[in-house]
Amino acid sequence: MRCLEEYARRIVERGAIAVILIGSLARGDYTAFSDADLIIVSDNVPDDPLERLRDFMDPTLPIDLEPRVYTRKEFLEMARDERRIIGEVLKYGILLAGDRALIIEAKKLYFKASPKNNY
């Protein structure tokens, strides 16, 4: 986990808003074959989703990364639209580095859209 936290700090130093761990590592049900599912929120990214991934891959890490890269606007729109991935961020996500206020804002939008989602 320390290597992921260091990776996340480097990404935030380069301008990302937040790096959030989700998936099996965050839930605690990982296996030896699990990768690190990351939500990276940054406004300094290309429009093309595939080009975004290149900027955040790191082959030197001892674990494979599965990054999903969104702008702040996209991330908050997904919260407003009650997207499942935001539900996972709110229920299990671990902020590795960055701005906790982003998660708080997403939580308000997500639960305002549908109070039944409240955990």
N, C-alpha and C. Protein backbone atom coordinates (compact mmCIF):
# COMPACT_ATOMS: atom_id res chain seq x y z
N MET A 1 0.83 -1.19 0.00
CA MET A 1 0.00 0.00 0.00
C MET A 1 0.88 1.26 0.00
N ARG A 2 2.03 1.17 0.65
CA ARG A 2 2.91 2.34 0.71
C ARG A 2 3.34 2.78 -0.69
N CYS A 3 3.61 1.82 -1.58
CA CYS A 3 4.03 2.19 -2.93
C CYS A 3 2.91 2.93 -3.67
N LEU A 4 1.66 2.55 -3.41
CA LEU A 4 0.53 3.24 -4.03
C LEU A 4 0.36 4.65 -3.47
N GLU A 5 0.57 4.80 -2.17
CA GLU A 5 0.48 6.14 -1.57
C GLU A 5 1.57 7.05 -2.13
N GLU A 6 2.78 6.52 -2.30
CA GLU A 6 3.87 7.32 -2.87
C GLU A 6 3.56 7.69 -4.32
N TYR A 7 3.05 6.72 -5.08
CA TYR A 7 2.64 6.98 -6.46
C TYR A 7 1.59 8.09 -6.49
N ALA A 8 0.58 7.98 -5.62
CA ALA A 8 -0.50 8.96 -5.59
C ALA A 8 0.03 10.35 -5.24
N ARG A 9 0.94 10.44 -4.29
CA ARG A 9 1.52 11.74 -3.93
C ARG A 9 2.24 12.36 -5.12
N ARG A 10 2.97 11.54 -5.87
CA ARG A 10 3.67 12.05 -7.07
C ARG A 10 2.66 12.58 -8.09
N ILE A 11 1.57 11.86 -8.26
CA ILE A 11 0.55 12.28 -9.23
C ILE A 11 -0.09 13.61 -8.80
N VAL A 12 -0.38 13.74 -7.52
CA VAL A 12 -0.95 14.99 -7.02
C VAL A 12 0.06 16.13 -7.14
N GLU A 13 1.32 15.86 -6.90
CA GLU A 13 2.35 16.89 -7.07
C GLU A 13 2.42 17.36 -8.52
N ARG A 14 2.06 16.48 -9.46
CA ARG A 14 2.06 16.84 -10.88
C ARG A 14 0.77 17.55 -11.28
N GLY A 15 -0.17 17.74 -10.33
CA GLY A 15 -1.36 18.53 -10.64
C GLY A 15 -2.69 17.82 -10.52
N ALA A 16 -2.71 16.53 -10.22
CA ALA A 16 -3.99 15.83 -10.04
C ALA A 16 -4.69 16.37 -8.80
N ILE A 17 -6.00 16.31 -8.81
CA ILE A 17 -6.81 16.78 -7.68
C ILE A 17 -6.90 15.70 -6.61
N ALA A 18 -7.08 14.45 -7.03
CA ALA A 18 -7.23 13.35 -6.07
C ALA A 18 -6.90 12.02 -6.73
N VAL A 19 -6.40 11.09 -5.91
CA VAL A 19 -6.16 9.71 -6.34
C VAL A 19 -6.85 8.83 -5.30
N ILE A 20 -7.81 8.02 -5.78
CA ILE A 20 -8.66 7.23 -4.89
C ILE A 20 -8.54 5.76 -5.26
N LEU A 21 -8.25 4.93 -4.28
CA LEU A 21 -8.19 3.48 -4.47
C LEU A 21 -9.58 2.90 -4.31
N ILE A 22 -10.00 2.07 -5.28
CA ILE A 22 -11.27 1.36 -5.19
C ILE A 22 -11.00 -0.11 -5.49
N GLY A 23 -12.04 -0.90 -5.62
CA GLY A 23 -11.88 -2.29 -6.01
C GLY A 23 -11.47 -3.17 -4.84
N SER A 24 -10.92 -4.33 -5.17
CA SER A 24 -10.64 -5.35 -4.17
C SER A 24 -9.63 -4.90 -3.12
N LEU A 25 -8.64 -4.10 -3.51
CA LEU A 25 -7.67 -3.62 -2.52
C LEU A 25 -8.33 -2.71 -1.49
N ALA A 26 -9.26 -1.89 -1.93
CA ALA A 26 -9.96 -1.00 -1.00
C ALA A 26 -10.95 -1.77 -0.13
N ARG A 27 -11.61 -2.75 -0.72
CA ARG A 27 -12.60 -3.55 0.03
C ARG A 27 -11.95 -4.55 0.96
N GLY A 28 -10.71 -4.94 0.65
CA GLY A 28 -10.02 -5.92 1.48
C GLY A 28 -10.22 -7.36 1.04
N ASP A 29 -10.81 -7.57 -0.14
CA ASP A 29 -11.03 -8.93 -0.63
C ASP A 29 -10.12 -9.26 -1.82
N TYR A 30 -8.93 -8.72 -1.81
CA TYR A 30 -7.97 -8.90 -2.91
C TYR A 30 -7.32 -10.28 -2.85
N THR A 31 -6.72 -10.64 -3.99
CA THR A 31 -5.96 -11.89 -4.09
C THR A 31 -4.56 -11.54 -4.57
N ALA A 32 -3.73 -12.55 -4.72
CA ALA A 32 -2.37 -12.34 -5.22
C ALA A 32 -2.37 -11.81 -6.65
N PHE A 33 -3.48 -11.97 -7.35
CA PHE A 33 -3.57 -11.56 -8.75
C PHE A 33 -4.29 -10.22 -8.93
N SER A 34 -4.66 -9.58 -7.84
CA SER A 34 -5.39 -8.31 -7.92
C SER A 34 -4.50 -7.19 -8.43
N ASP A 35 -5.13 -6.25 -9.14
CA ASP A 35 -4.43 -5.04 -9.54
C ASP A 35 -4.96 -3.89 -8.68
N ALA A 36 -4.40 -2.72 -8.87
CA ALA A 36 -4.83 -1.54 -8.12
C ALA A 36 -5.76 -0.72 -8.99
N ASP A 37 -7.03 -0.72 -8.63
CA ASP A 37 -8.03 0.08 -9.34
C ASP A 37 -8.01 1.49 -8.76
N LEU A 38 -7.68 2.46 -9.60
CA LEU A 38 -7.53 3.84 -9.13
C LEU A 38 -8.45 4.77 -9.89
N ILE A 39 -9.06 5.69 -9.16
CA ILE A 39 -9.76 6.82 -9.75
C ILE A 39 -8.81 8.00 -9.62
N ILE A 40 -8.46 8.59 -10.74
CA ILE A 40 -7.59 9.76 -10.74
C ILE A 40 -8.40 10.93 -11.29
N VAL A 41 -8.49 11.99 -10.50
CA VAL A 41 -9.23 13.18 -10.91
C VAL A 41 -8.22 14.28 -11.16
N SER A 42 -8.23 14.79 -12.39
CA SER A 42 -7.28 15.83 -12.78
C SER A 42 -7.87 16.65 -13.91
N ASP A 43 -7.67 17.94 -13.85
CA ASP A 43 -8.12 18.79 -14.95
C ASP A 43 -7.02 19.00 -15.98
N ASN A 44 -5.83 18.47 -15.72
CA ASN A 44 -4.70 18.60 -16.64
C ASN A 44 -4.54 17.33 -17.47
N VAL A 45 -5.60 16.96 -18.19
CA VAL A 45 -5.56 15.72 -18.97
C VAL A 45 -6.07 15.97 -20.39
N PRO A 46 -5.62 15.15 -21.34
CA PRO A 46 -6.13 15.27 -22.70
C PRO A 46 -7.61 14.89 -22.76
N ASP A 47 -8.28 15.31 -23.82
CA ASP A 47 -9.69 14.95 -24.01
C ASP A 47 -9.87 13.46 -24.28
N ASP A 48 -8.93 12.87 -25.00
CA ASP A 48 -9.02 11.45 -25.37
C ASP A 48 -8.76 10.56 -24.15
N PRO A 49 -9.74 9.75 -23.75
CA PRO A 49 -9.58 8.88 -22.57
C PRO A 49 -8.37 7.94 -22.65
N LEU A 50 -8.05 7.44 -23.84
CA LEU A 50 -6.89 6.55 -23.97
C LEU A 50 -5.58 7.28 -23.75
N GLU A 51 -5.51 8.51 -24.24
CA GLU A 51 -4.30 9.31 -24.02
C GLU A 51 -4.12 9.63 -22.54
N ARG A 52 -5.21 9.77 -21.82
CA ARG A 52 -5.14 10.06 -20.39
C ARG A 52 -4.40 8.95 -19.65
N LEU A 53 -4.66 7.72 -20.02
CA LEU A 53 -4.07 6.57 -19.31
C LEU A 53 -2.55 6.58 -19.39
N ARG A 54 -2.02 6.94 -20.54
CA ARG A 54 -0.56 6.95 -20.72
C ARG A 54 0.16 7.79 -19.67
N ASP A 55 -0.45 8.89 -19.31
CA ASP A 55 0.18 9.80 -18.35
C ASP A 55 0.24 9.23 -16.93
N PHE A 56 -0.54 8.18 -16.67
CA PHE A 56 -0.65 7.69 -15.30
C PHE A 56 -0.20 6.24 -15.11
N MET A 57 0.37 5.64 -16.13
CA MET A 57 0.90 4.29 -15.99
C MET A 57 2.30 4.37 -15.38
N ASP A 58 2.64 3.37 -14.57
CA ASP A 58 3.97 3.33 -13.95
C ASP A 58 4.43 1.87 -13.89
N PRO A 59 5.21 1.43 -14.88
CA PRO A 59 5.65 0.03 -14.92
C PRO A 59 6.65 -0.33 -13.82
N THR A 60 7.13 0.66 -13.08
CA THR A 60 8.09 0.35 -12.01
C THR A 60 7.42 -0.10 -10.72
N LEU A 61 6.11 0.07 -10.62
CA LEU A 61 5.40 -0.34 -9.40
C LEU A 61 5.31 -1.86 -9.30
N PRO A 62 5.31 -2.40 -8.09
CA PRO A 62 5.23 -3.86 -7.92
C PRO A 62 3.81 -4.41 -8.11
N ILE A 63 2.86 -3.56 -8.47
CA ILE A 63 1.49 -4.00 -8.70
C ILE A 63 0.99 -3.34 -9.98
N ASP A 64 0.17 -4.07 -10.74
CA ASP A 64 -0.40 -3.50 -11.96
C ASP A 64 -1.44 -2.45 -11.59
N LEU A 65 -1.47 -1.37 -12.38
CA LEU A 65 -2.44 -0.31 -12.17
C LEU A 65 -3.58 -0.42 -13.17
N GLU A 66 -4.76 -0.10 -12.72
CA GLU A 66 -5.94 0.00 -13.58
C GLU A 66 -6.55 1.38 -13.32
N PRO A 67 -5.94 2.43 -13.92
CA PRO A 67 -6.44 3.78 -13.64
C PRO A 67 -7.66 4.13 -14.48
N ARG A 68 -8.55 4.89 -13.86
CA ARG A 68 -9.67 5.51 -14.55
C ARG A 68 -9.49 7.01 -14.30
N VAL A 69 -9.36 7.76 -15.36
CA VAL A 69 -8.99 9.17 -15.24
C VAL A 69 -10.16 10.05 -15.67
N TYR A 70 -10.55 10.95 -14.78
CA TYR A 70 -11.67 11.85 -15.04
C TYR A 70 -11.28 13.27 -14.68
N THR A 71 -11.93 14.23 -15.33
CA THR A 71 -11.80 15.61 -14.90
C THR A 71 -12.69 15.80 -13.68
N ARG A 72 -12.48 16.89 -12.97
CA ARG A 72 -13.33 17.21 -11.82
C ARG A 72 -14.80 17.28 -12.25
N LYS A 73 -15.04 17.95 -13.36
CA LYS A 73 -16.41 18.10 -13.87
C LYS A 73 -17.03 16.73 -14.16
N GLU A 74 -16.29 15.86 -14.83
CA GLU A 74 -16.80 14.51 -15.14
C GLU A 74 -17.10 13.72 -13.87
N PHE A 75 -16.19 13.80 -12.90
CA PHE A 75 -16.36 13.07 -11.65
C PHE A 75 -17.63 13.53 -10.92
N LEU A 76 -17.83 14.84 -10.85
CA LEU A 76 -19.00 15.36 -10.15
C LEU A 76 -20.29 15.11 -10.93
N GLU A 77 -20.22 15.12 -12.25
CA GLU A 77 -21.40 14.77 -13.06
C GLU A 77 -21.79 13.31 -12.83
N MET A 78 -20.80 12.44 -12.69
CA MET A 78 -21.10 11.03 -12.42
C MET A 78 -21.76 10.89 -11.05
N ALA A 79 -21.36 11.71 -10.09
CA ALA A 79 -21.99 11.68 -8.76
C ALA A 79 -23.45 12.13 -8.88
N ARG A 80 -23.67 13.19 -9.60
CA ARG A 80 -25.03 13.71 -9.80
C ARG A 80 -25.91 12.69 -10.51
N ASP A 81 -25.30 11.92 -11.42
CA ASP A 81 -26.04 10.91 -12.18
C ASP A 81 -26.12 9.57 -11.46
N GLU A 82 -25.63 9.52 -10.23
CA GLU A 82 -25.68 8.31 -9.40
C GLU A 82 -24.97 7.12 -10.05
N ARG A 83 -23.87 7.37 -10.70
CA ARG A 83 -23.12 6.29 -11.35
C ARG A 83 -22.58 5.33 -10.30
N ARG A 84 -22.62 4.07 -10.63
CA ARG A 84 -22.22 3.00 -9.72
C ARG A 84 -20.79 3.16 -9.21
N ILE A 85 -19.91 3.60 -10.07
CA ILE A 85 -18.51 3.74 -9.67
C ILE A 85 -18.36 4.78 -8.56
N ILE A 86 -19.20 5.81 -8.57
CA ILE A 86 -19.16 6.81 -7.49
C ILE A 86 -19.68 6.19 -6.20
N GLY A 87 -20.70 5.34 -6.31
CA GLY A 87 -21.17 4.61 -5.13
C GLY A 87 -20.05 3.79 -4.50
N GLU A 88 -19.23 3.17 -5.35
CA GLU A 88 -18.09 2.39 -4.83
C GLU A 88 -17.05 3.30 -4.17
N VAL A 89 -16.80 4.45 -4.79
CA VAL A 89 -15.87 5.41 -4.19
C VAL A 89 -16.35 5.81 -2.80
N LEU A 90 -17.64 6.10 -2.69
CA LEU A 90 -18.18 6.58 -1.41
C LEU A 90 -18.25 5.49 -0.36
N LYS A 91 -18.50 4.27 -0.78
CA LYS A 91 -18.65 3.18 0.19
C LYS A 91 -17.31 2.57 0.61
N TYR A 92 -16.41 2.38 -0.37
CA TYR A 92 -15.17 1.65 -0.10
C TYR A 92 -13.89 2.44 -0.40
N GLY A 93 -14.01 3.54 -1.13
CA GLY A 93 -12.83 4.24 -1.62
C GLY A 93 -11.90 4.72 -0.53
N ILE A 94 -10.60 4.67 -0.84
CA ILE A 94 -9.56 5.15 0.06
C ILE A 94 -8.82 6.27 -0.66
N LEU A 95 -8.89 7.47 -0.10
CA LEU A 95 -8.17 8.60 -0.68
C LEU A 95 -6.68 8.41 -0.40
N LEU A 96 -5.91 8.14 -1.44
CA LEU A 96 -4.47 7.94 -1.29
C LEU A 96 -3.72 9.26 -1.21
N ALA A 97 -4.22 10.26 -1.93
CA ALA A 97 -3.62 11.60 -1.91
C ALA A 97 -4.59 12.57 -2.56
N GLY A 98 -4.50 13.82 -2.16
CA GLY A 98 -5.31 14.84 -2.80
C GLY A 98 -6.36 15.46 -1.90
N ASP A 99 -7.35 16.04 -2.55
CA ASP A 99 -8.33 16.90 -1.90
C ASP A 99 -9.56 16.12 -1.44
N ARG A 100 -9.69 15.95 -0.13
CA ARG A 100 -10.85 15.25 0.45
C ARG A 100 -12.16 15.99 0.16
N ALA A 101 -12.09 17.30 -0.03
CA ALA A 101 -13.29 18.09 -0.31
C ALA A 101 -13.99 17.61 -1.58
N LEU A 102 -13.24 17.08 -2.53
CA LEU A 102 -13.84 16.56 -3.75
C LEU A 102 -14.78 15.39 -3.43
N ILE A 103 -14.37 14.51 -2.55
CA ILE A 103 -15.20 13.37 -2.18
C ILE A 103 -16.43 13.84 -1.41
N ILE A 104 -16.26 14.82 -0.55
CA ILE A 104 -17.39 15.36 0.20
C ILE A 104 -18.41 15.98 -0.75
N GLU A 105 -17.93 16.72 -1.73
CA GLU A 105 -18.82 17.33 -2.73
C GLU A 105 -19.54 16.26 -3.54
N ALA A 106 -18.81 15.22 -3.94
CA ALA A 106 -19.43 14.12 -4.70
C ALA A 106 -20.49 13.42 -3.85
N LYS A 107 -20.22 13.25 -2.58
CA LYS A 107 -21.17 12.59 -1.68
C LYS A 107 -22.47 13.39 -1.59
N LYS A 108 -22.35 14.70 -1.46
CA LYS A 108 -23.55 15.55 -1.40
C LYS A 108 -24.38 15.42 -2.67
N LEU A 109 -23.71 15.45 -3.81
CA LEU A 109 -24.43 15.35 -5.08
C LEU A 109 -25.07 13.98 -5.25
N TYR A 110 -24.35 12.94 -4.90
CA TYR A 110 -24.83 11.56 -5.06
C TYR A 110 -26.06 11.31 -4.19
N PHE A 111 -26.00 11.72 -2.93
CA PHE A 111 -27.11 11.46 -2.03
C PHE A 111 -28.26 12.44 -2.21
N LYS A 112 -27.97 13.61 -2.73
CA LYS A 112 -29.03 14.56 -3.06
C LYS A 112 -29.86 14.01 -4.22
N ALA A 113 -29.17 13.37 -5.16
CA ALA A 113 -29.86 12.81 -6.32
C ALA A 113 -30.81 11.70 -5.90
N SER A 114 -30.40 10.91 -4.92
CA SER A 114 -31.24 9.79 -4.48
C SER A 114 -30.91 9.44 -3.03
N PRO A 115 -31.71 9.93 -2.09
CA PRO A 115 -31.45 9.65 -0.67
C PRO A 115 -31.42 8.16 -0.34
N LYS A 116 -32.03 7.32 -1.16
CA LYS A 116 -32.03 5.87 -0.89
C LYS A 116 -30.63 5.28 -0.96
N ASN A 117 -29.69 5.99 -1.60
CA ASN A 117 -28.32 5.49 -1.72
C ASN A 117 -27.54 5.65 -0.42
N ASN A 118 -28.07 6.39 0.53
CA ASN A 118 -27.31 6.70 1.75
C ASN A 118 -26.86 5.44 2.47
N TYR A 119 -25.56 5.36 2.75
CA TYR A 119 -24.99 4.17 3.40
C TYR A 119 -25.04 4.35 4.90
